Amino acid sequence: NPDMPRVGMARADYVIRKFGGEERA
């Protein structure tokens, strides 16, 4: 995740961005 902010992000937001939703993750 080279564009990840240095402070990171909330896991829920990351899961949506990465996998499209909680169920797939």
PDB file of all heavy atoms in Angstrom:
ATOM      1  N   ASN A   1       0.850  -1.197   0.000  1.00  0.00           N
ATOM      2  CA  ASN A   1       0.000   0.000   0.000  1.00  0.00           C
ATOM      3  C   ASN A   1       0.883   1.244   0.000  1.00  0.00           C
ATOM      4  O   ASN A   1       0.954   1.957   1.007  1.00  0.00           O
ATOM      5  CB  ASN A   1      -0.914   0.002   1.238  1.00  0.00           C
ATOM      6  CG  ASN A   1      -1.707  -1.285   1.372  1.00  0.00           C
ATOM      7  OD1 ASN A   1      -2.428  -1.674   0.466  1.00  0.00           O
ATOM      8  ND2 ASN A   1      -1.571  -1.951   2.510  1.00  0.00           N
ATOM      9  N   PRO A   2       1.565   1.512  -1.118  1.00  0.00           N
ATOM     10  CA  PRO A   2       2.536   2.618  -1.125  1.00  0.00           C
ATOM     11  C   PRO A   2       1.911   3.987  -0.885  1.00  0.00           C
ATOM     12  O   PRO A   2       2.611   4.917  -0.463  1.00  0.00           O
ATOM     13  CB  PRO A   2       3.162   2.533  -2.524  1.00  0.00           C
ATOM     14  CG  PRO A   2       2.161   1.791  -3.352  1.00  0.00           C
ATOM     15  CD  PRO A   2       1.493   0.829  -2.425  1.00  0.00           C
ATOM     16  N   ASP A   3       0.603   4.119  -1.139  1.00  0.00           N
ATOM     17  CA  ASP A   3      -0.071   5.404  -0.956  1.00  0.00           C
ATOM     18  C   ASP A   3      -0.766   5.519   0.406  1.00  0.00           C
ATOM     19  O   ASP A   3      -1.472   6.504   0.652  1.00  0.00           O
ATOM     20  CB  ASP A   3      -1.103   5.620  -2.067  1.00  0.00           C
ATOM     21  CG  ASP A   3      -0.463   5.649  -3.445  1.00  0.00           C
ATOM     22  OD1 ASP A   3       0.665   6.177  -3.558  1.00  0.00           O
ATOM     23  OD2 ASP A   3      -1.073   5.128  -4.402  1.00  0.00           O
ATOM     24  N   MET A   4      -0.557   4.529   1.253  1.00  0.00           N
ATOM     25  CA  MET A   4      -1.179   4.576   2.582  1.00  0.00           C
ATOM     26  C   MET A   4      -0.646   5.769   3.373  1.00  0.00           C
ATOM     27  O   MET A   4       0.570   5.983   3.433  1.00  0.00           O
ATOM     28  CB  MET A   4      -0.854   3.283   3.340  1.00  0.00           C
ATOM     29  CG  MET A   4      -1.389   3.232   4.766  1.00  0.00           C
ATOM     30  SD  MET A   4      -3.186   3.137   4.863  1.00  0.00           S
ATOM     31  CE  MET A   4      -3.462   1.453   4.275  1.00  0.00           C
ATOM     32  N   PRO A   5      -1.542   6.581   3.968  1.00  0.00           N
ATOM     33  CA  PRO A   5      -1.062   7.676   4.830  1.00  0.00           C
ATOM     34  C   PRO A   5      -0.182   7.130   5.947  1.00  0.00           C
ATOM     35  O   PRO A   5      -0.394   6.011   6.429  1.00  0.00           O
ATOM     36  CB  PRO A   5      -2.363   8.276   5.387  1.00  0.00           C
ATOM     37  CG  PRO A   5      -3.435   7.836   4.448  1.00  0.00           C
ATOM     38  CD  PRO A   5      -3.012   6.519   3.908  1.00  0.00           C
ATOM     39  N   ARG A   6       0.794   7.902   6.377  1.00  0.00           N
ATOM     40  CA  ARG A   6       1.698   7.433   7.433  1.00  0.00           C
ATOM     41  C   ARG A   6       0.951   7.086   8.722  1.00  0.00           C
ATOM     42  O   ARG A   6       1.425   6.263   9.508  1.00  0.00           O
ATOM     43  CB  ARG A   6       2.775   8.488   7.722  1.00  0.00           C
ATOM     44  CG  ARG A   6       3.814   8.638   6.643  1.00  0.00           C
ATOM     45  CD  ARG A   6       4.764   7.450   6.551  1.00  0.00           C
ATOM     46  NE  ARG A   6       5.654   7.340   7.687  1.00  0.00           N
ATOM     47  CZ  ARG A   6       6.784   8.009   7.838  1.00  0.00           C
ATOM     48  NH1 ARG A   6       7.156   8.878   6.902  1.00  0.00           N
ATOM     49  NH2 ARG A   6       7.552   7.829   8.892  1.00  0.00           N
ATOM     50  N   VAL A   7      -0.208   7.701   8.931  1.00  0.00           N
ATOM     51  CA  VAL A   7      -0.988   7.405  10.139  1.00  0.00           C
ATOM     52  C   VAL A   7      -1.895   6.196   9.944  1.00  0.00           C
ATOM     53  O   VAL A   7      -2.601   5.791  10.862  1.00  0.00           O
ATOM     54  CB  VAL A   7      -1.836   8.623  10.560  1.00  0.00           C
ATOM     55  CG1 VAL A   7      -0.943   9.776  10.962  1.00  0.00           C
ATOM     56  CG2 VAL A   7      -2.800   9.030   9.450  1.00  0.00           C
ATOM     57  N   GLY A   8      -1.877   5.601   8.738  1.00  0.00           N
ATOM     58  CA  GLY A   8      -2.732   4.456   8.471  1.00  0.00           C
ATOM     59  C   GLY A   8      -4.171   4.868   8.234  1.00  0.00           C
ATOM     60  O   GLY A   8      -4.477   6.039   8.016  1.00  0.00           O
ATOM     61  N   MET A   9      -5.065   3.877   8.267  1.00  0.00           N
ATOM     62  CA  MET A   9      -6.499   4.169   8.103  1.00  0.00           C
ATOM     63  C   MET A   9      -7.324   3.138   8.862  1.00  0.00           C
ATOM     64  O   MET A   9      -6.828   2.064   9.209  1.00  0.00           O
ATOM     65  CB  MET A   9      -6.901   4.187   6.626  1.00  0.00           C
ATOM     66  CG  MET A   9      -6.823   2.853   5.920  1.00  0.00           C
ATOM     67  SD  MET A   9      -7.637   2.888   4.279  1.00  0.00           S
ATOM     68  CE  MET A   9      -6.814   4.216   3.467  1.00  0.00           C
ATOM     69  N   ALA A  10      -8.569   3.481   9.116  1.00  0.00           N
ATOM     70  CA  ALA A  10      -9.466   2.567   9.816  1.00  0.00           C
ATOM     71  C   ALA A  10      -9.585   1.272   9.022  1.00  0.00           C
ATOM     72  O   ALA A  10      -9.681   1.290   7.791  1.00  0.00           O
ATOM     73  CB  ALA A  10     -10.833   3.208   9.999  1.00  0.00           C
ATOM     74  N   ARG A  11      -9.578   0.167   9.731  1.00  0.00           N
ATOM     75  CA  ARG A  11      -9.614  -1.141   9.068  1.00  0.00           C
ATOM     76  C   ARG A  11     -10.845  -1.295   8.182  1.00  0.00           C
ATOM     77  O   ARG A  11     -10.755  -1.834   7.075  1.00  0.00           O
ATOM     78  CB  ARG A  11      -9.590  -2.246  10.133  1.00  0.00           C
ATOM     79  CG  ARG A  11      -9.506  -3.660   9.573  1.00  0.00           C
ATOM     80  CD  ARG A  11      -8.162  -3.915   8.959  1.00  0.00           C
ATOM     81  NE  ARG A  11      -7.977  -5.316   8.589  1.00  0.00           N
ATOM     82  CZ  ARG A  11      -6.871  -5.787   8.061  1.00  0.00           C
ATOM     83  NH1 ARG A  11      -5.839  -4.985   7.836  1.00  0.00           N
ATOM     84  NH2 ARG A  11      -6.747  -7.060   7.753  1.00  0.00           N
ATOM     85  N   ALA A  12     -11.990  -0.819   8.655  1.00  0.00           N
ATOM     86  CA  ALA A  12     -13.220  -0.956   7.881  1.00  0.00           C
ATOM     87  C   ALA A  12     -13.103  -0.248   6.536  1.00  0.00           C
ATOM     88  O   ALA A  12     -13.536  -0.773   5.500  1.00  0.00           O
ATOM     89  CB  ALA A  12     -14.407  -0.407   8.680  1.00  0.00           C
ATOM     90  N   ASP A  13     -12.509   0.943   6.535  1.00  0.00           N
ATOM     91  CA  ASP A  13     -12.325   1.684   5.286  1.00  0.00           C
ATOM     92  C   ASP A  13     -11.353   0.959   4.356  1.00  0.00           C
ATOM     93  O   ASP A  13     -11.555   0.900   3.143  1.00  0.00           O
ATOM     94  CB  ASP A  13     -11.794   3.096   5.572  1.00  0.00           C
ATOM     95  CG  ASP A  13     -12.785   3.940   6.342  1.00  0.00           C
ATOM     96  OD1 ASP A  13     -13.993   3.636   6.279  1.00  0.00           O
ATOM     97  OD2 ASP A  13     -12.361   4.903   7.017  1.00  0.00           O
ATOM     98  N   TYR A  14     -10.303   0.392   4.943  1.00  0.00           N
ATOM     99  CA  TYR A  14      -9.311  -0.318   4.140  1.00  0.00           C
ATOM    100  C   TYR A  14      -9.924  -1.554   3.484  1.00  0.00           C
ATOM    101  O   TYR A  14      -9.666  -1.837   2.307  1.00  0.00           O
ATOM    102  CB  TYR A  14      -8.140  -0.736   5.035  1.00  0.00           C
ATOM    103  CG  TYR A  14      -7.122  -1.594   4.332  1.00  0.00           C
ATOM    104  CD1 TYR A  14      -6.202  -1.042   3.443  1.00  0.00           C
ATOM    105  CD2 TYR A  14      -7.077  -2.977   4.546  1.00  0.00           C
ATOM    106  CE1 TYR A  14      -5.264  -1.830   2.786  1.00  0.00           C
ATOM    107  CE2 TYR A  14      -6.141  -3.776   3.906  1.00  0.00           C
ATOM    108  CZ  TYR A  14      -5.245  -3.196   3.027  1.00  0.00           C
ATOM    109  OH  TYR A  14      -4.324  -3.978   2.385  1.00  0.00           O
ATOM    110  N   VAL A  15     -10.720  -2.293   4.235  1.00  0.00           N
ATOM    111  CA  VAL A  15     -11.340  -3.516   3.719  1.00  0.00           C
ATOM    112  C   VAL A  15     -12.248  -3.208   2.532  1.00  0.00           C
ATOM    113  O   VAL A  15     -12.255  -3.927   1.530  1.00  0.00           O
ATOM    114  CB  VAL A  15     -12.107  -4.244   4.845  1.00  0.00           C
ATOM    115  CG1 VAL A  15     -13.076  -5.266   4.282  1.00  0.00           C
ATOM    116  CG2 VAL A  15     -11.125  -4.906   5.801  1.00  0.00           C
ATOM    117  N   ILE A  16     -12.994  -2.117   2.637  1.00  0.00           N
ATOM    118  CA  ILE A  16     -13.873  -1.724   1.528  1.00  0.00           C
ATOM    119  C   ILE A  16     -13.044  -1.353   0.308  1.00  0.00           C
ATOM    120  O   ILE A  16     -13.328  -1.764  -0.826  1.00  0.00           O
ATOM    121  CB  ILE A  16     -14.786  -0.558   1.954  1.00  0.00           C
ATOM    122  CG1 ILE A  16     -15.814  -1.043   2.975  1.00  0.00           C
ATOM    123  CG2 ILE A  16     -15.489   0.046   0.738  1.00  0.00           C
ATOM    124  CD1 ILE A  16     -16.632   0.062   3.598  1.00  0.00           C
ATOM    125  N   ARG A  17     -11.973  -0.595   0.518  1.00  0.00           N
ATOM    126  CA  ARG A  17     -11.122  -0.164  -0.591  1.00  0.00           C
ATOM    127  C   ARG A  17     -10.399  -1.349  -1.236  1.00  0.00           C
ATOM    128  O   ARG A  17     -10.290  -1.441  -2.445  1.00  0.00           O
ATOM    129  CB  ARG A  17     -10.099   0.865  -0.102  1.00  0.00           C
ATOM    130  CG  ARG A  17      -9.114   1.300  -1.173  1.00  0.00           C
ATOM    131  CD  ARG A  17      -8.037   2.210  -0.627  1.00  0.00           C
ATOM    132  NE  ARG A  17      -8.551   3.507  -0.220  1.00  0.00           N
ATOM    133  CZ  ARG A  17      -7.780   4.540   0.104  1.00  0.00           C
ATOM    134  NH1 ARG A  17      -6.457   4.400   0.086  1.00  0.00           N
ATOM    135  NH2 ARG A  17      -8.301   5.693   0.468  1.00  0.00           N
ATOM    136  N   LYS A  18      -9.923  -2.277  -0.401  1.00  0.00           N
ATOM    137  CA  LYS A  18      -9.094  -3.381  -0.883  1.00  0.00           C
ATOM    138  C   LYS A  18      -9.920  -4.519  -1.472  1.00  0.00           C
ATOM    139  O   LYS A  18      -9.570  -5.102  -2.499  1.00  0.00           O
ATOM    140  CB  LYS A  18      -8.244  -3.917   0.276  1.00  0.00           C
ATOM    141  CG  LYS A  18      -7.203  -4.953  -0.113  1.00  0.00           C
ATOM    142  CD  LYS A  18      -5.958  -4.307  -0.651  1.00  0.00           C
ATOM    143  CE  LYS A  18      -4.829  -5.303  -0.822  1.00  0.00           C
ATOM    144  NZ  LYS A  18      -3.611  -4.663  -1.348  1.00  0.00           N
ATOM    145  N   PHE A  19     -11.012  -4.858  -0.801  1.00  0.00           N
ATOM    146  CA  PHE A  19     -11.766  -6.058  -1.169  1.00  0.00           C
ATOM    147  C   PHE A  19     -13.179  -5.779  -1.664  1.00  0.00           C
ATOM    148  O   PHE A  19     -13.864  -6.690  -2.109  1.00  0.00           O
ATOM    149  CB  PHE A  19     -11.839  -7.022   0.027  1.00  0.00           C
ATOM    150  CG  PHE A  19     -10.496  -7.401   0.569  1.00  0.00           C
ATOM    151  CD1 PHE A  19     -10.063  -6.920   1.796  1.00  0.00           C
ATOM    152  CD2 PHE A  19      -9.651  -8.232  -0.146  1.00  0.00           C
ATOM    153  CE1 PHE A  19      -8.822  -7.270   2.304  1.00  0.00           C
ATOM    154  CE2 PHE A  19      -8.411  -8.584   0.351  1.00  0.00           C
ATOM    155  CZ  PHE A  19      -7.991  -8.100   1.582  1.00  0.00           C
ATOM    156  N   GLY A  20     -13.620  -4.538  -1.569  1.00  0.00           N
ATOM    157  CA  GLY A  20     -14.954  -4.210  -2.034  1.00  0.00           C
ATOM    158  C   GLY A  20     -16.032  -4.440  -1.001  1.00  0.00           C
ATOM    159  O   GLY A  20     -17.192  -4.102  -1.232  1.00  0.00           O
ATOM    160  N   GLY A  21     -15.678  -5.007   0.132  1.00  0.00           N
ATOM    161  CA  GLY A  21     -16.676  -5.225   1.172  1.00  0.00           C
ATOM    162  C   GLY A  21     -16.220  -6.224   2.208  1.00  0.00           C
ATOM    163  O   GLY A  21     -15.253  -6.971   2.015  1.00  0.00           O
ATOM    164  N   GLU A  22     -16.911  -6.239   3.323  1.00  0.00           N
ATOM    165  CA  GLU A  22     -16.546  -7.073   4.470  1.00  0.00           C
ATOM    166  C   GLU A  22     -16.686  -8.557   4.175  1.00  0.00           C
ATOM    167  O   GLU A  22     -15.874  -9.374   4.621  1.00  0.00           O
ATOM    168  CB  GLU A  22     -17.435  -6.689   5.660  1.00  0.00           C
ATOM    169  CG  GLU A  22     -17.106  -7.418   6.946  1.00  0.00           C
ATOM    170  CD  GLU A  22     -15.760  -7.007   7.517  1.00  0.00           C
ATOM    171  OE1 GLU A  22     -15.426  -5.807   7.441  1.00  0.00           O
ATOM    172  OE2 GLU A  22     -15.051  -7.890   8.027  1.00  0.00           O
ATOM    173  N   GLU A  23     -17.703  -8.945   3.402  1.00  0.00           N
ATOM    174  CA  GLU A  23     -17.971 -10.370   3.186  1.00  0.00           C
ATOM    175  C   GLU A  23     -16.831 -11.054   2.430  1.00  0.00           C
ATOM    176  O   GLU A  23     -16.389 -12.143   2.804  1.00  0.00           O
ATOM    177  CB  GLU A  23     -19.285 -10.543   2.413  1.00  0.00           C
ATOM    178  CG  GLU A  23     -19.706 -11.993   2.222  1.00  0.00           C
ATOM    179  CD  GLU A  23     -19.787 -12.757   3.540  1.00  0.00           C
ATOM    180  OE1 GLU A  23     -20.251 -12.173   4.542  1.00  0.00           O
ATOM    181  OE2 GLU A  23     -19.373 -13.939   3.545  1.00  0.00           O
ATOM    182  N   ARG A  24     -16.349 -10.410   1.384  1.00  0.00           N
ATOM    183  CA  ARG A  24     -15.234 -10.989   0.615  1.00  0.00           C
ATOM    184  C   ARG A  24     -13.984 -11.093   1.483  1.00  0.00           C
ATOM    185  O   ARG A  24     -13.251 -12.075   1.439  1.00  0.00           O
ATOM    186  CB  ARG A  24     -14.953 -10.140  -0.625  1.00  0.00           C
ATOM    187  CG  ARG A  24     -13.873 -10.721  -1.505  1.00  0.00           C
ATOM    188  CD  ARG A  24     -13.927 -10.143  -2.909  1.00  0.00           C
ATOM    189  NE  ARG A  24     -12.778 -10.601  -3.677  1.00  0.00           N
ATOM    190  CZ  ARG A  24     -11.746  -9.851  -4.035  1.00  0.00           C
ATOM    191  NH1 ARG A  24     -11.712  -8.575  -3.697  1.00  0.00           N
ATOM    192  NH2 ARG A  24     -10.751 -10.340  -4.735  1.00  0.00           N
ATOM    193  N   ALA A  25     -13.749 -10.057   2.280  1.00  0.00           N
ATOM    194  CA  ALA A  25     -12.593 -10.070   3.176  1.00  0.00           C
ATOM    195  C   ALA A  25     -12.719 -11.184   4.200  1.00  0.00           C
ATOM    196  O   ALA A  25     -11.739 -11.886   4.504  1.00  0.00           O
ATOM    197  CB  ALA A  25     -12.464  -8.727   3.881  1.00  0.00           C
TER     198      ALA A  25
END
